[in-house]
Amino acid sequence: MNILVIGRGVISTQYAWIFKENGNNIDFYIRSESIDKYTRMLNLQLDDWRKRKSKKINVSWETNLIYEIPQNHNYDLIFVSVNIEQISSVVKTLNNKVNKATVLFFNNFWDPIKQTEILPQSQLIFGFPVAGGGTVGINTINGAFSSIIIIGDIGMASKERVQQVYTLFEQAEFSVKRQTNFKKFLLNHFLLNVAVEIEVLKEGSFIGLMDSIDALGNISINLRQLKPIMKERGMSYDALNTLLFNDITKNYRDYNVQVYL
């Protein structure tokens, strides 16, 4: 499969490397104004939990960077995993350049359909990673990824396109979870981030949070205090987010890096 990855972020790069190892062709699109931020050679220090037991990966990868998306490209999949404040820019970049590709958005949203409405909705799939990590310098990524990934129940993509994405991940030995009520899941994840960041600020760093049993326990207290917001938005506490948080954070005690959840 020919895959275009938008940006070379912490999350997208980990999955891109796995796809590459599984025989897919990977290009990274980098905005021209960001050329100086990235080198082709990349060092990956990863914690692979696909087998439910940690496998350490330490490799160098010469990535293929492109600075303009060809108008008549033949990519099968466009993979997007960016920070929420970057979504509008990415959507504008992809406008009229999707061609026949399936587009997988693999990040949080306030409103997935509305924020991507200028793109061909029948080609969009929305999912969520179970991974995290951070950068060291300009060309090293420390990270970890779980054995599962999430695909949401929203969107108008055909069964064939959805199956294409399922197959990509399953061939790479991930378990795919179909998440019902995906908008609620995303909102809950925002609230989970709030609960976590409160304790990160108190402890001074994410590593400080990981080293404090009391701070980790306070996350549940913070979530309970956020219940009025959930109720106002017609939401209920979603235990899956706690499971995701535990699954990710248990893998990070040895990583002295900034973590993106």
Protein backbone atom coordinates (compact mmCIF):
# COMPACT_ATOMS: atom_id res chain seq x y z
CA MET A 1 0.00 0.00 0.00
CA ASN A 2 1.21 3.53 -0.79
CA ILE A 3 0.72 5.67 2.31
CA LEU A 4 1.13 9.42 2.73
CA VAL A 5 1.65 10.52 6.33
CA ILE A 6 0.81 14.15 7.07
CA GLY A 7 3.60 15.60 9.19
CA ARG A 8 6.15 13.60 11.10
CA GLY A 9 4.73 13.73 14.59
CA VAL A 10 5.39 11.42 17.50
CA ILE A 11 2.27 9.29 17.07
CA SER A 12 2.08 9.15 13.27
CA THR A 13 5.76 8.27 12.92
CA GLN A 14 5.50 5.24 15.20
CA TYR A 15 2.62 3.77 13.22
CA ALA A 16 4.27 4.72 9.92
CA TRP A 17 7.39 2.78 10.88
CA ILE A 18 5.27 -0.27 11.71
CA PHE A 19 3.49 0.00 8.36
CA LYS A 20 6.84 0.30 6.61
CA GLU A 21 8.16 -2.79 8.38
CA ASN A 22 5.07 -4.61 7.15
CA GLY A 23 5.90 -3.88 3.51
CA ASN A 24 4.07 -0.61 2.82
CA ASN A 25 5.57 2.42 1.06
CA ILE A 26 5.69 5.53 3.28
CA ASP A 27 6.06 9.21 2.38
CA PHE A 28 5.92 12.01 4.92
CA TYR A 29 4.45 15.35 3.85
CA ILE A 30 6.27 18.27 5.50
CA ARG A 31 5.17 21.87 5.02
CA SER A 32 7.78 23.94 3.21
CA GLU A 33 8.08 26.33 6.16
CA SER A 34 9.04 23.36 8.37
CA ILE A 35 11.85 22.01 6.19
CA ASP A 36 14.54 23.08 8.66
CA LYS A 37 12.80 21.24 11.52
CA TYR A 38 13.28 17.76 10.09
CA THR A 39 16.12 15.63 8.78
CA ARG A 40 15.54 12.51 6.69
CA MET A 41 17.39 10.31 9.19
CA LEU A 42 15.31 9.51 12.24
CA ASN A 43 16.15 7.56 15.40
CA LEU A 44 13.35 5.56 16.99
CA GLN A 45 13.46 4.28 20.56
CA LEU A 46 10.17 2.48 20.98
CA ASP A 47 8.40 0.21 23.42
CA ASP A 48 6.29 -2.26 21.42
CA TRP A 49 3.41 -3.80 23.42
CA ARG A 50 1.62 -5.60 20.58
CA LYS A 51 2.43 -8.96 22.16
CA ARG A 52 1.22 -7.79 25.60
CA LYS A 53 4.86 -7.84 26.67
CA SER A 54 7.35 -5.06 26.07
CA LYS A 55 9.73 -5.35 23.15
CA LYS A 56 12.40 -2.64 22.92
CA ILE A 57 13.03 -1.19 19.46
CA ASN A 58 16.06 0.99 18.74
CA VAL A 59 16.48 1.70 15.03
CA SER A 60 17.51 4.40 12.58
CA TRP A 61 15.20 5.10 9.66
CA GLU A 62 15.93 7.19 6.57
CA THR A 63 12.49 8.61 5.90
CA ASN A 64 11.21 9.91 2.58
CA LEU A 65 10.06 13.53 2.92
CA ILE A 66 7.97 15.41 0.35
CA TYR A 67 7.15 19.12 0.50
CA GLU A 68 4.20 19.23 -1.87
CA ILE A 69 1.37 16.76 -2.39
CA PRO A 70 1.26 15.86 -6.10
CA GLN A 71 -2.06 16.78 -7.72
CA ASN A 72 -2.30 13.39 -9.47
CA HIS A 73 -0.88 11.18 -6.73
CA ASN A 74 -1.75 7.48 -6.38
CA TYR A 75 -1.70 7.10 -2.60
CA ASP A 76 -4.02 4.42 -1.25
CA LEU A 77 -4.16 5.93 2.23
CA ILE A 78 -3.54 9.37 3.70
CA PHE A 79 -2.74 9.03 7.40
CA VAL A 80 -3.37 12.05 9.64
CA SER A 81 -2.44 12.15 13.33
CA VAL A 82 -1.91 15.74 14.44
CA ASN A 83 -2.64 18.03 17.38
CA ILE A 84 -6.18 19.37 17.44
CA GLU A 85 -5.05 22.94 16.70
CA GLN A 86 -3.49 21.71 13.44
CA ILE A 87 -6.60 20.04 12.02
CA SER A 88 -7.98 23.06 10.14
CA SER A 89 -4.64 23.61 8.42
CA VAL A 90 -4.38 19.94 7.42
CA VAL A 91 -7.93 19.90 6.06
CA LYS A 92 -7.18 22.96 3.91
CA THR A 93 -3.99 21.29 2.67
CA LEU A 94 -5.90 18.16 1.64
CA ASN A 95 -8.77 20.01 -0.01
CA ASN A 96 -8.96 18.87 -3.67
CA LYS A 97 -5.93 16.61 -3.15
CA VAL A 98 -7.46 13.47 -1.70
CA ASN A 99 -7.99 11.89 -5.15
CA LYS A 100 -8.97 8.22 -4.71
CA ALA A 101 -7.23 7.75 -1.34
CA THR A 102 -8.88 6.78 1.90
CA VAL A 103 -8.13 9.37 4.60
CA LEU A 104 -7.68 8.09 8.15
CA PHE A 105 -7.86 10.78 10.82
CA PHE A 106 -6.19 9.36 13.90
CA ASN A 107 -6.52 12.11 16.52
CA ASN A 108 -8.94 13.97 18.74
CA PHE A 109 -11.67 16.28 17.41
CA TRP A 110 -14.28 18.61 18.79
CA ASP A 111 -16.58 17.76 15.88
CA PRO A 112 -15.07 15.35 13.31
CA ILE A 113 -17.70 15.74 10.59
CA LYS A 114 -17.99 19.51 10.78
CA GLN A 115 -14.24 20.09 10.93
CA THR A 116 -13.67 17.99 7.79
CA GLU A 117 -16.78 18.97 5.82
CA ILE A 118 -14.85 20.32 2.80
CA LEU A 119 -13.29 16.88 2.21
CA PRO A 120 -15.05 13.95 0.47
CA GLN A 121 -16.93 12.40 3.39
CA SER A 122 -17.31 9.01 1.70
CA GLN A 123 -13.51 8.61 1.86
CA LEU A 124 -12.94 9.58 5.51
CA ILE A 125 -12.43 7.23 8.44
CA PHE A 126 -11.96 8.39 12.03
CA GLY A 127 -9.91 6.50 14.58
CA PHE A 128 -7.80 6.96 17.66
CA PRO A 129 -4.32 5.73 18.64
CA VAL A 130 -3.30 4.02 21.83
CA ALA A 131 0.25 5.33 21.90
CA GLY A 132 2.34 8.17 23.23
CA GLY A 133 5.83 9.51 23.40
CA GLY A 134 7.99 12.55 22.86
CA THR A 135 10.96 13.93 20.99
CA VAL A 136 14.58 14.24 22.01
CA GLY A 137 16.31 16.84 19.85
CA ILE A 138 15.25 17.12 16.22
CA ASN A 139 15.65 13.54 15.05
CA THR A 140 14.92 11.14 17.92
CA ILE A 141 11.50 9.87 18.99
CA ASN A 142 10.95 7.98 22.23
CA GLY A 143 7.59 6.30 22.37
CA ALA A 144 5.40 3.32 23.05
CA PHE A 145 2.30 1.81 21.51
CA SER A 146 -0.29 -0.65 22.69
CA SER A 147 -1.72 -3.73 21.02
CA ILE A 148 -5.05 -2.06 20.22
CA ILE A 149 -6.24 0.83 18.07
CA ILE A 150 -9.67 2.44 17.89
CA ILE A 151 -11.86 2.94 14.82
CA GLY A 152 -14.94 5.12 15.33
CA ASP A 153 -18.51 4.39 14.29
CA ILE A 154 -18.98 7.72 12.49
CA GLY A 155 -18.49 8.75 8.89
CA MET A 156 -19.82 7.65 5.50
CA ALA A 157 -16.90 5.54 4.27
CA SER A 158 -17.77 2.35 2.43
CA LYS A 159 -17.32 -1.07 3.99
CA GLU A 160 -14.48 -1.64 1.54
CA ARG A 161 -12.56 1.41 2.76
CA VAL A 162 -13.14 0.52 6.40
CA GLN A 163 -11.95 -3.02 5.73
CA GLN A 164 -8.87 -1.62 4.00
CA VAL A 165 -7.91 0.16 7.24
CA TYR A 166 -8.77 -2.86 9.40
CA THR A 167 -6.56 -5.06 7.23
CA LEU A 168 -3.66 -2.60 7.39
CA PHE A 169 -3.62 -2.69 11.19
CA GLU A 170 -4.46 -6.36 11.60
CA GLN A 171 -1.64 -7.38 9.25
CA ALA A 172 0.63 -5.31 11.51
CA GLU A 173 -0.61 -7.39 14.48
CA PHE A 174 -2.86 -4.79 16.10
CA SER A 175 -6.29 -5.57 17.50
CA VAL A 176 -8.90 -3.19 16.09
CA LYS A 177 -11.69 -2.05 18.41
CA ARG A 178 -14.82 -0.60 16.84
CA GLN A 179 -15.81 2.28 19.14
CA THR A 180 -19.53 3.03 19.32
CA ASN A 181 -20.65 6.58 20.12
CA PHE A 182 -17.28 7.87 18.96
CA LYS A 183 -18.09 11.54 19.62
CA LYS A 184 -18.73 10.73 23.27
CA PHE A 185 -15.46 8.80 23.38
CA LEU A 186 -13.57 11.83 22.05
CA LEU A 187 -15.22 14.22 24.52
CA ASN A 188 -14.41 11.87 27.36
CA HIS A 189 -10.82 11.79 26.20
CA PHE A 190 -10.68 15.58 26.38
CA LEU A 191 -11.90 15.39 29.98
CA LEU A 192 -9.36 12.68 30.74
CA ASN A 193 -6.62 14.97 29.45
CA VAL A 194 -7.86 17.72 31.77
CA ALA A 195 -7.78 15.34 34.74
CA VAL A 196 -4.25 14.23 33.87
CA GLU A 197 -2.86 17.70 33.12
CA ILE A 198 -4.05 19.01 36.51
CA GLU A 199 -1.75 16.50 38.18
CA VAL A 200 1.09 17.10 35.70
CA LEU A 201 1.02 20.80 36.63
CA LYS A 202 1.02 19.95 40.34
CA GLU A 203 3.96 17.56 40.01
CA GLY A 204 5.91 19.70 37.55
CA SER A 205 6.24 17.08 34.81
CA PHE A 206 4.67 13.94 33.38
CA ILE A 207 7.50 11.88 34.85
CA GLY A 208 6.72 13.41 38.24
CA LEU A 209 3.15 12.25 37.82
CA MET A 210 4.29 8.73 36.92
CA ASP A 211 6.43 8.59 40.06
CA SER A 212 3.64 9.67 42.41
CA ILE A 213 1.06 7.11 43.53
CA ASP A 214 -0.99 9.89 45.15
CA ALA A 215 -1.02 11.97 41.95
CA LEU A 216 -2.10 8.99 39.86
CA GLY A 217 -4.90 8.35 42.34
CA ASN A 218 -5.98 11.98 42.11
CA ILE A 219 -6.76 11.53 38.40
CA SER A 220 -9.85 9.51 39.29
CA ILE A 221 -10.87 12.18 41.81
CA ASN A 222 -10.45 14.86 39.16
CA LEU A 223 -12.60 12.87 36.75
CA ARG A 224 -15.36 12.55 39.34
CA GLN A 225 -15.24 16.32 39.85
CA LEU A 226 -15.74 16.74 36.10
CA LYS A 227 -18.97 14.71 36.15
CA PRO A 228 -21.18 17.87 36.14
CA ILE A 229 -19.63 18.81 32.78
CA MET A 230 -20.29 15.30 31.47
CA LYS A 231 -23.90 15.48 32.66
CA GLU A 232 -24.41 18.90 31.04
CA ARG A 233 -23.19 17.51 27.71
CA GLY A 234 -25.32 14.38 28.00
CA MET A 235 -22.30 12.18 28.69
CA SER A 236 -21.58 9.46 31.22
CA TYR A 237 -18.25 8.37 32.62
CA ASP A 238 -16.52 6.10 30.11
CA ALA A 239 -14.38 3.46 31.79
CA LEU A 240 -12.59 2.79 28.52
CA ASN A 241 -10.64 6.02 28.92
CA THR A 242 -9.30 4.88 32.27
CA LEU A 243 -8.30 1.57 30.71
CA LEU A 244 -6.55 3.40 27.88
CA PHE A 245 -4.78 5.69 30.32
CA ASN A 246 -3.57 2.76 32.42
CA ASP A 247 -2.49 0.83 29.33
CA ILE A 248 -0.39 3.75 28.08
CA THR A 249 1.07 5.14 31.29
CA LYS A 250 2.28 1.82 32.66
CA ASN A 251 4.70 1.78 29.72
CA TYR A 252 6.23 5.20 30.36
CA ARG A 253 7.96 5.03 33.70
CA ASP A 254 11.32 4.60 31.95
CA TYR A 255 10.85 7.47 29.48
CA ASN A 256 12.13 10.91 30.45
CA VAL A 257 10.19 12.60 27.64
CA GLN A 258 7.15 14.74 27.13
CA VAL A 259 4.16 12.50 26.56
CA TYR A 260 1.23 13.12 24.23
CA LEU A 261 -1.92 11.23 25.12
